Amino acid sequence: MIKQPGQLVAKRPPQGSFAALMELYESNYIFLRRLVPQLDGRRDAQVSSVDRGPDLHLEVIERCPYTTTLMLTHRFARRDGDESLPDLQVRIYHDARVAEVLATETETAGQAPLAWRWGANRFLYRWLRYCLGEGHGFPSASGEAVVLRPSARRWAV
């Protein structure tokens, strides 16, 4: 292929690379802000319910000037107590406009850090898209949605 003057050739970074991970962090931030448009500190624990499916629980764990750390999970009722799956801690970097899944030492044991981060954040990306597609969202303190969302649709499996 011969590049013509003025023609831009941009390739996507290879999957699993550091550059692709940075793109994934950016996408996670965008989807997370669609799900939670207002992180103003008035409500640190919220629940999103849809007609069918489990509730989505959000809890703000830490709030700093440039970051917010939150826990995001579905809770399933069981006979022996509620079960939270997946139970992800996510840190949002407001100044850089990225969001990443935080790891614990037990989760990354025996795995390369880049490979673990790629897998965990790819999961977050797909899960956030699923939650938005199901109609989940956390409204503002006034009770109204800050962003307009299309009506919920069921995903075919």
C-alpha atoms as a PDB file:
ATOM      1  CA  MET A   1       0.000   0.000   0.000  1.00  0.00           C
ATOM      2  CA  ILE A   2       1.361   3.377  -0.969  1.00  0.00           C
ATOM      3  CA  LYS A   3       0.438   6.303   1.226  1.00  0.00           C
ATOM      4  CA  GLN A   4      -0.801   9.307  -0.689  1.00  0.00           C
ATOM      5  CA  PRO A   5      -0.009  12.825   0.582  1.00  0.00           C
ATOM      6  CA  GLY A   6      -2.649  14.038   3.044  1.00  0.00           C
ATOM      7  CA  GLN A   7      -3.930  10.500   3.660  1.00  0.00           C
ATOM      8  CA  LEU A   8      -3.973   9.415   7.307  1.00  0.00           C
ATOM      9  CA  VAL A   9      -3.370   5.801   8.188  1.00  0.00           C
ATOM     10  CA  ALA A  10      -4.343   5.042  11.772  1.00  0.00           C
ATOM     11  CA  LYS A  11      -4.221   1.511  13.067  1.00  0.00           C
ATOM     12  CA  ARG A  12      -5.851   0.301  16.230  1.00  0.00           C
ATOM     13  CA  PRO A  13      -3.342  -0.854  18.806  1.00  0.00           C
ATOM     14  CA  PRO A  14      -3.082  -4.642  19.123  1.00  0.00           C
ATOM     15  CA  GLN A  15      -5.467  -6.218  21.619  1.00  0.00           C
ATOM     16  CA  GLY A  16      -3.820  -6.782  24.995  1.00  0.00           C
ATOM     17  CA  SER A  17      -1.219  -4.067  24.467  1.00  0.00           C
ATOM     18  CA  PHE A  18      -0.652  -1.114  26.783  1.00  0.00           C
ATOM     19  CA  ALA A  19      -2.031   1.317  24.180  1.00  0.00           C
ATOM     20  CA  ALA A  20      -5.204  -0.760  23.796  1.00  0.00           C
ATOM     21  CA  LEU A  21      -5.551  -0.852  27.590  1.00  0.00           C
ATOM     22  CA  MET A  22      -5.468   2.958  27.682  1.00  0.00           C
ATOM     23  CA  GLU A  23      -8.250   3.073  25.053  1.00  0.00           C
ATOM     24  CA  LEU A  24     -10.218   0.620  27.179  1.00  0.00           C
ATOM     25  CA  TYR A  25      -9.811   2.877  30.239  1.00  0.00           C
ATOM     26  CA  GLU A  26     -11.193   5.789  28.211  1.00  0.00           C
ATOM     27  CA  SER A  27     -14.176   3.746  27.000  1.00  0.00           C
ATOM     28  CA  ASN A  28     -14.889   2.565  30.550  1.00  0.00           C
ATOM     29  CA  TYR A  29     -14.934   6.181  31.715  1.00  0.00           C
ATOM     30  CA  ILE A  30     -17.431   7.143  29.014  1.00  0.00           C
ATOM     31  CA  PHE A  31     -19.785   4.250  29.798  1.00  0.00           C
ATOM     32  CA  LEU A  32     -19.449   4.728  33.548  1.00  0.00           C
ATOM     33  CA  ARG A  33     -20.328   8.418  33.276  1.00  0.00           C
ATOM     34  CA  ARG A  34     -23.388   7.481  31.195  1.00  0.00           C
ATOM     35  CA  LEU A  35     -24.412   5.068  33.949  1.00  0.00           C
ATOM     36  CA  VAL A  36     -23.578   7.480  36.798  1.00  0.00           C
ATOM     37  CA  PRO A  37     -23.762  10.991  35.339  1.00  0.00           C
ATOM     38  CA  GLN A  38     -23.577  12.772  38.680  1.00  0.00           C
ATOM     39  CA  LEU A  39     -20.891  11.962  41.251  1.00  0.00           C
ATOM     40  CA  ASP A  40     -21.392  15.077  43.368  1.00  0.00           C
ATOM     41  CA  GLY A  41     -21.106  13.562  46.833  1.00  0.00           C
ATOM     42  CA  ARG A  42     -24.722  13.847  47.867  1.00  0.00           C
ATOM     43  CA  ARG A  43     -25.537  10.154  47.584  1.00  0.00           C
ATOM     44  CA  ASP A  44     -22.781   7.634  48.225  1.00  0.00           C
ATOM     45  CA  ALA A  45     -24.951   4.508  47.984  1.00  0.00           C
ATOM     46  CA  GLN A  46     -27.486   4.035  45.193  1.00  0.00           C
ATOM     47  CA  VAL A  47     -29.490   1.202  43.656  1.00  0.00           C
ATOM     48  CA  SER A  48     -30.695   0.926  40.069  1.00  0.00           C
ATOM     49  CA  SER A  49     -33.646  -1.389  39.444  1.00  0.00           C
ATOM     50  CA  VAL A  50     -35.068  -2.611  36.156  1.00  0.00           C
ATOM     51  CA  ASP A  51     -38.216  -4.642  35.477  1.00  0.00           C
ATOM     52  CA  ARG A  52     -36.373  -7.889  34.864  1.00  0.00           C
ATOM     53  CA  GLY A  53     -32.987  -8.758  36.238  1.00  0.00           C
ATOM     54  CA  PRO A  54     -31.014  -8.067  39.377  1.00  0.00           C
ATOM     55  CA  ASP A  55     -30.554  -4.662  40.970  1.00  0.00           C
ATOM     56  CA  LEU A  56     -27.316  -2.825  40.307  1.00  0.00           C
ATOM     57  CA  HIS A  57     -25.705  -1.440  43.469  1.00  0.00           C
ATOM     58  CA  LEU A  58     -23.234   1.429  43.535  1.00  0.00           C
ATOM     59  CA  GLU A  59     -21.313   2.542  46.606  1.00  0.00           C
ATOM     60  CA  VAL A  60     -18.762   5.357  46.638  1.00  0.00           C
ATOM     61  CA  ILE A  61     -15.829   4.205  48.758  1.00  0.00           C
ATOM     62  CA  GLU A  62     -13.472   7.157  48.471  1.00  0.00           C
ATOM     63  CA  ARG A  63     -13.760  10.662  47.094  1.00  0.00           C
ATOM     64  CA  CYS A  64     -10.642  12.747  46.397  1.00  0.00           C
ATOM     65  CA  PRO A  65     -10.136  15.958  44.385  1.00  0.00           C
ATOM     66  CA  TYR A  66      -9.161  14.130  41.184  1.00  0.00           C
ATOM     67  CA  THR A  67     -10.414  10.577  41.750  1.00  0.00           C
ATOM     68  CA  THR A  68     -13.464   8.687  42.928  1.00  0.00           C
ATOM     69  CA  THR A  69     -13.340   5.026  43.940  1.00  0.00           C
ATOM     70  CA  LEU A  70     -16.559   3.076  43.860  1.00  0.00           C
ATOM     71  CA  MET A  71     -17.888  -0.446  44.229  1.00  0.00           C
ATOM     72  CA  LEU A  72     -20.256  -1.696  41.541  1.00  0.00           C
ATOM     73  CA  THR A  73     -22.127  -4.996  41.815  1.00  0.00           C
ATOM     74  CA  HIS A  74     -25.291  -6.969  41.169  1.00  0.00           C
ATOM     75  CA  ARG A  75     -26.848  -8.507  44.291  1.00  0.00           C
ATOM     76  CA  PHE A  76     -28.612 -11.832  44.069  1.00  0.00           C
ATOM     77  CA  ALA A  77     -30.897 -13.071  46.852  1.00  0.00           C
ATOM     78  CA  ARG A  78     -30.026 -16.555  48.099  1.00  0.00           C
ATOM     79  CA  ARG A  79     -31.321 -18.692  50.943  1.00  0.00           C
ATOM     80  CA  ASP A  80     -28.070 -18.378  52.870  1.00  0.00           C
ATOM     81  CA  GLY A  81     -27.697 -14.608  52.272  1.00  0.00           C
ATOM     82  CA  ASP A  82     -27.175 -12.200  49.421  1.00  0.00           C
ATOM     83  CA  GLU A  83     -24.439 -12.801  46.883  1.00  0.00           C
ATOM     84  CA  SER A  84     -22.654  -9.943  45.117  1.00  0.00           C
ATOM     85  CA  LEU A  85     -21.381 -10.724  41.635  1.00  0.00           C
ATOM     86  CA  PRO A  86     -19.334  -9.265  40.088  1.00  0.00           C
ATOM     87  CA  ASP A  87     -17.949  -7.225  42.949  1.00  0.00           C
ATOM     88  CA  LEU A  88     -15.687  -4.673  41.264  1.00  0.00           C
ATOM     89  CA  GLN A  89     -13.832  -1.729  42.713  1.00  0.00           C
ATOM     90  CA  VAL A  90     -13.425   0.938  40.060  1.00  0.00           C
ATOM     91  CA  ARG A  91     -11.334   4.090  40.277  1.00  0.00           C
ATOM     92  CA  ILE A  92     -12.359   7.057  38.151  1.00  0.00           C
ATOM     93  CA  TYR A  93      -9.643   9.591  37.302  1.00  0.00           C
ATOM     94  CA  HIS A  94     -11.643  12.735  36.555  1.00  0.00           C
ATOM     95  CA  ASP A  95      -8.744  14.831  35.261  1.00  0.00           C
ATOM     96  CA  ALA A  96      -7.542  12.156  32.814  1.00  0.00           C
ATOM     97  CA  ARG A  97     -11.098  10.946  32.051  1.00  0.00           C
ATOM     98  CA  VAL A  98     -10.289   7.268  32.495  1.00  0.00           C
ATOM     99  CA  ALA A  99     -11.647   4.504  34.730  1.00  0.00           C
ATOM    100  CA  GLU A 100      -9.943   1.269  35.750  1.00  0.00           C
ATOM    101  CA  VAL A 101     -10.715  -1.824  37.783  1.00  0.00           C
ATOM    102  CA  LEU A 102      -8.603  -1.987  40.939  1.00  0.00           C
ATOM    103  CA  ALA A 103      -6.859  -5.249  41.711  1.00  0.00           C
ATOM    104  CA  THR A 104      -6.211  -7.035  44.962  1.00  0.00           C
ATOM    105  CA  GLU A 105      -3.082  -9.096  45.565  1.00  0.00           C
ATOM    106  CA  THR A 106      -5.019 -12.381  45.448  1.00  0.00           C
ATOM    107  CA  GLU A 107      -6.568 -11.572  42.072  1.00  0.00           C
ATOM    108  CA  THR A 108      -3.268 -10.888  40.334  1.00  0.00           C
ATOM    109  CA  ALA A 109      -1.298 -13.756  41.884  1.00  0.00           C
ATOM    110  CA  GLY A 110       0.433 -15.751  39.158  1.00  0.00           C
ATOM    111  CA  GLN A 111      -0.667 -13.442  36.334  1.00  0.00           C
ATOM    112  CA  ALA A 112       1.205 -10.716  34.522  1.00  0.00           C
ATOM    113  CA  PRO A 113      -0.108  -7.295  35.602  1.00  0.00           C
ATOM    114  CA  LEU A 114      -0.852  -6.158  32.036  1.00  0.00           C
ATOM    115  CA  ALA A 115      -2.732  -9.380  31.232  1.00  0.00           C
ATOM    116  CA  TRP A 116      -4.815  -9.135  34.418  1.00  0.00           C
ATOM    117  CA  ARG A 117      -5.616  -5.458  33.828  1.00  0.00           C
ATOM    118  CA  TRP A 118      -6.574  -6.168  30.236  1.00  0.00           C
ATOM    119  CA  GLY A 119      -8.941  -8.991  31.217  1.00  0.00           C
ATOM    120  CA  ALA A 120     -10.541  -7.195  34.167  1.00  0.00           C
ATOM    121  CA  ASN A 121     -11.080  -3.932  32.304  1.00  0.00           C
ATOM    122  CA  ARG A 122     -12.373  -5.706  29.195  1.00  0.00           C
ATOM    123  CA  PHE A 123     -14.916  -7.373  31.477  1.00  0.00           C
ATOM    124  CA  LEU A 124     -15.876  -3.983  32.958  1.00  0.00           C
ATOM    125  CA  TYR A 125     -16.298  -2.567  29.438  1.00  0.00           C
ATOM    126  CA  ARG A 126     -18.662  -5.357  28.409  1.00  0.00           C
ATOM    127  CA  TRP A 127     -20.548  -5.307  31.734  1.00  0.00           C
ATOM    128  CA  LEU A 128     -21.121  -1.529  31.606  1.00  0.00           C
ATOM    129  CA  ARG A 129     -22.472  -1.841  28.053  1.00  0.00           C
ATOM    130  CA  TYR A 130     -24.770  -4.642  29.233  1.00  0.00           C
ATOM    131  CA  CYS A 131     -26.042  -2.611  32.220  1.00  0.00           C
ATOM    132  CA  LEU A 132     -26.750   0.414  30.027  1.00  0.00           C
ATOM    133  CA  GLY A 133     -28.492  -1.803  27.489  1.00  0.00           C
ATOM    134  CA  GLU A 134     -30.705  -3.240  30.228  1.00  0.00           C
ATOM    135  CA  GLY A 135     -31.756   0.284  31.200  1.00  0.00           C
ATOM    136  CA  HIS A 136     -29.762   0.696  34.422  1.00  0.00           C
ATOM    137  CA  GLY A 137     -28.795   4.180  35.486  1.00  0.00           C
ATOM    138  CA  PHE A 138     -28.387   6.284  38.592  1.00  0.00           C
ATOM    139  CA  PRO A 139     -30.445   9.493  38.500  1.00  0.00           C
ATOM    140  CA  SER A 140     -29.404  12.829  39.948  1.00  0.00           C
ATOM    141  CA  ALA A 141     -30.284  13.881  43.489  1.00  0.00           C
ATOM    142  CA  SER A 142     -33.495  15.487  42.184  1.00  0.00           C
ATOM    143  CA  GLY A 143     -34.660  12.080  40.983  1.00  0.00           C
ATOM    144  CA  GLU A 144     -34.512  12.913  37.302  1.00  0.00           C
ATOM    145  CA  ALA A 145     -32.117  11.354  34.868  1.00  0.00           C
ATOM    146  CA  VAL A 146     -29.313  13.726  33.894  1.00  0.00           C
ATOM    147  CA  VAL A 147     -28.824  12.106  30.502  1.00  0.00           C
ATOM    148  CA  LEU A 148     -31.534  10.795  28.245  1.00  0.00           C
ATOM    149  CA  ARG A 149     -31.343   7.054  27.746  1.00  0.00           C
ATOM    150  CA  PRO A 150     -33.168   4.990  25.177  1.00  0.00           C
ATOM    151  CA  SER A 151     -35.799   2.652  26.524  1.00  0.00           C
ATOM    152  CA  ALA A 152     -34.382  -0.584  27.878  1.00  0.00           C
ATOM    153  CA  ARG A 153     -33.912  -3.451  25.510  1.00  0.00           C
ATOM    154  CA  ARG A 154     -33.192  -7.076  26.196  1.00  0.00           C
ATOM    155  CA  TRP A 155     -29.999  -8.537  24.806  1.00  0.00           C
ATOM    156  CA  ALA A 156     -30.260 -11.734  22.825  1.00  0.00           C
ATOM    157  CA  VAL A 157     -27.839 -14.428  23.905  1.00  0.00           C
END
